[in-house]
Amino acid sequence: MARSLISQLENGKRQSTGIDTIYRLALALEVSPTLFLNNEPPSNVHYKEDLSPFVLNEGSQPYLRLAQKAEKSGLSPDLLGELIDIIVRLRSTPPLS
């Protein structure tokens, strides 16, 4: 799928696309194709910022898979955030002499 098509869809320069494109996007993002058919985000998701550029970036895939693993393991987003904060603090703390 061409990056230009994805960019056009993200930026509203293209208002619609074919079902084949919707299916391929859903498959790549590991979501239901119906997610793209709604005008509103899912009710259980509260977006503070537009995550589309991150989600559609190929380099983000390992992070998205880890988030998926965390969800399947029953880790809440709050707990996952706290664990990340702990790791960041540990990495920035100088070693004891």
C-alpha atoms as a PDB file:
ATOM      1  CA  MET A   1       0.000   0.000   0.000  1.00  0.00           C
ATOM      2  CA  ALA A   2       1.397   3.365  -0.962  1.00  0.00           C
ATOM      3  CA  ARG A   3       2.392   5.719   1.839  1.00  0.00           C
ATOM      4  CA  SER A   4       0.812   8.548  -0.137  1.00  0.00           C
ATOM      5  CA  LEU A   5      -2.589   6.829   0.110  1.00  0.00           C
ATOM      6  CA  ILE A   6      -2.228   6.427   3.865  1.00  0.00           C
ATOM      7  CA  SER A   7      -1.164  10.057   4.184  1.00  0.00           C
ATOM      8  CA  GLN A   8      -4.138  11.236   2.122  1.00  0.00           C
ATOM      9  CA  LEU A   9      -6.531   9.250   4.314  1.00  0.00           C
ATOM     10  CA  GLU A  10      -4.929  10.530   7.521  1.00  0.00           C
ATOM     11  CA  ASN A  11      -4.987  14.151   6.424  1.00  0.00           C
ATOM     12  CA  GLY A  12      -8.528  14.088   5.033  1.00  0.00           C
ATOM     13  CA  LYS A  13      -7.344  14.769   1.486  1.00  0.00           C
ATOM     14  CA  ARG A  14      -9.089  11.551   0.489  1.00  0.00           C
ATOM     15  CA  GLN A  15     -12.464  11.001   2.108  1.00  0.00           C
ATOM     16  CA  SER A  16     -13.087   7.386   1.112  1.00  0.00           C
ATOM     17  CA  THR A  17     -11.346   4.269  -0.050  1.00  0.00           C
ATOM     18  CA  GLY A  18     -12.217   0.760  -1.149  1.00  0.00           C
ATOM     19  CA  ILE A  19     -13.007  -2.167   1.110  1.00  0.00           C
ATOM     20  CA  ASP A  20      -9.793  -3.881  -0.017  1.00  0.00           C
ATOM     21  CA  THR A  21      -7.736  -0.976   1.335  1.00  0.00           C
ATOM     22  CA  ILE A  22      -9.704  -0.985   4.597  1.00  0.00           C
ATOM     23  CA  TYR A  23      -9.101  -4.719   4.938  1.00  0.00           C
ATOM     24  CA  ARG A  24      -5.358  -4.385   4.296  1.00  0.00           C
ATOM     25  CA  LEU A  25      -5.021  -1.524   6.800  1.00  0.00           C
ATOM     26  CA  ALA A  26      -6.931  -3.495   9.429  1.00  0.00           C
ATOM     27  CA  LEU A  27      -4.799  -6.569   8.797  1.00  0.00           C
ATOM     28  CA  ALA A  28      -1.566  -4.588   9.106  1.00  0.00           C
ATOM     29  CA  LEU A  29      -2.738  -2.900  12.315  1.00  0.00           C
ATOM     30  CA  GLU A  30      -4.278  -6.103  13.694  1.00  0.00           C
ATOM     31  CA  VAL A  31      -7.674  -4.467  14.274  1.00  0.00           C
ATOM     32  CA  SER A  32     -11.174  -5.162  13.020  1.00  0.00           C
ATOM     33  CA  PRO A  33     -11.995  -3.565   9.641  1.00  0.00           C
ATOM     34  CA  THR A  34     -15.168  -2.198  11.249  1.00  0.00           C
ATOM     35  CA  LEU A  35     -12.978   0.174  13.282  1.00  0.00           C
ATOM     36  CA  PHE A  36     -12.463   2.209  10.097  1.00  0.00           C
ATOM     37  CA  LEU A  37     -16.152   2.299   9.264  1.00  0.00           C
ATOM     38  CA  ASN A  38     -17.154   4.225  12.388  1.00  0.00           C
ATOM     39  CA  ASN A  39     -17.111   8.016  12.469  1.00  0.00           C
ATOM     40  CA  GLU A  40     -16.053   8.047  16.120  1.00  0.00           C
ATOM     41  CA  PRO A  41     -13.292   6.262  18.011  1.00  0.00           C
ATOM     42  CA  PRO A  42     -14.377   3.252  20.088  1.00  0.00           C
ATOM     43  CA  SER A  43     -16.173   4.359  23.254  1.00  0.00           C
ATOM     44  CA  ASN A  44     -13.683   2.596  25.528  1.00  0.00           C
ATOM     45  CA  VAL A  45     -10.734   4.498  24.065  1.00  0.00           C
ATOM     46  CA  HIS A  46      -9.993   8.049  25.174  1.00  0.00           C
ATOM     47  CA  TYR A  47      -7.466   9.719  22.883  1.00  0.00           C
ATOM     48  CA  LYS A  48      -5.461  12.617  24.277  1.00  0.00           C
ATOM     49  CA  GLU A  49      -3.543  13.003  21.039  1.00  0.00           C
ATOM     50  CA  ASP A  50      -3.707  11.726  17.494  1.00  0.00           C
ATOM     51  CA  LEU A  51      -1.914   8.388  17.473  1.00  0.00           C
ATOM     52  CA  SER A  52      -2.324   7.778  13.737  1.00  0.00           C
ATOM     53  CA  PRO A  53       1.213   8.816  12.731  1.00  0.00           C
ATOM     54  CA  PHE A  54       2.685   6.544  15.412  1.00  0.00           C
ATOM     55  CA  VAL A  55       0.424   3.599  14.628  1.00  0.00           C
ATOM     56  CA  LEU A  56       1.064   3.803  10.895  1.00  0.00           C
ATOM     57  CA  ASN A  57       4.845   4.179  11.282  1.00  0.00           C
ATOM     58  CA  GLU A  58       6.567   0.880  10.453  1.00  0.00           C
ATOM     59  CA  GLY A  59       9.119   1.473  13.222  1.00  0.00           C
ATOM     60  CA  SER A  60       6.313   1.487  15.780  1.00  0.00           C
ATOM     61  CA  GLN A  61       5.300  -2.122  15.174  1.00  0.00           C
ATOM     62  CA  PRO A  62       7.525  -3.613  17.947  1.00  0.00           C
ATOM     63  CA  TYR A  63       6.009  -1.182  20.467  1.00  0.00           C
ATOM     64  CA  LEU A  64       2.482  -1.969  19.333  1.00  0.00           C
ATOM     65  CA  ARG A  65       3.160  -5.699  19.679  1.00  0.00           C
ATOM     66  CA  LEU A  66       4.438  -5.118  23.221  1.00  0.00           C
ATOM     67  CA  ALA A  67       1.298  -3.154  24.047  1.00  0.00           C
ATOM     68  CA  GLN A  68      -0.761  -6.004  22.661  1.00  0.00           C
ATOM     69  CA  LYS A  69       1.217  -8.493  24.768  1.00  0.00           C
ATOM     70  CA  ALA A  70       0.687  -6.341  27.878  1.00  0.00           C
ATOM     71  CA  GLU A  71      -3.054  -6.236  27.241  1.00  0.00           C
ATOM     72  CA  LYS A  72      -3.255 -10.007  26.716  1.00  0.00           C
ATOM     73  CA  SER A  73      -1.301 -10.468  29.964  1.00  0.00           C
ATOM     74  CA  GLY A  74      -3.852  -8.395  31.853  1.00  0.00           C
ATOM     75  CA  LEU A  75      -1.592  -5.401  32.504  1.00  0.00           C
ATOM     76  CA  SER A  76      -3.542  -2.169  32.704  1.00  0.00           C
ATOM     77  CA  PRO A  77      -2.302   0.875  30.777  1.00  0.00           C
ATOM     78  CA  ASP A  78      -1.702   2.615  34.133  1.00  0.00           C
ATOM     79  CA  LEU A  79       0.471  -0.229  35.412  1.00  0.00           C
ATOM     80  CA  LEU A  80       2.365  -0.423  32.146  1.00  0.00           C
ATOM     81  CA  GLY A  81       3.018   3.331  32.325  1.00  0.00           C
ATOM     82  CA  GLU A  82       4.283   2.992  35.898  1.00  0.00           C
ATOM     83  CA  LEU A  83       6.613   0.154  34.884  1.00  0.00           C
ATOM     84  CA  ILE A  84       8.013   2.255  32.051  1.00  0.00           C
ATOM     85  CA  ASP A  85       8.581   5.155  34.458  1.00  0.00           C
ATOM     86  CA  ILE A  86      10.473   2.830  36.816  1.00  0.00           C
ATOM     87  CA  ILE A  87      12.659   1.546  33.989  1.00  0.00           C
ATOM     88  CA  VAL A  88      13.437   5.093  32.821  1.00  0.00           C
ATOM     89  CA  ARG A  89      14.388   6.138  36.362  1.00  0.00           C
ATOM     90  CA  LEU A  90      16.588   3.061  36.825  1.00  0.00           C
ATOM     91  CA  ARG A  91      18.360   3.692  33.542  1.00  0.00           C
ATOM     92  CA  SER A  92      19.041   7.332  34.417  1.00  0.00           C
ATOM     93  CA  THR A  93      20.303   6.629  37.941  1.00  0.00           C
ATOM     94  CA  PRO A  94      24.110   6.505  38.137  1.00  0.00           C
ATOM     95  CA  PRO A  95      25.475   3.159  39.331  1.00  0.00           C
ATOM     96  CA  LEU A  96      26.551   2.889  42.962  1.00  0.00           C
ATOM     97  CA  SER A  97      30.319   2.918  43.467  1.00  0.00           C
END
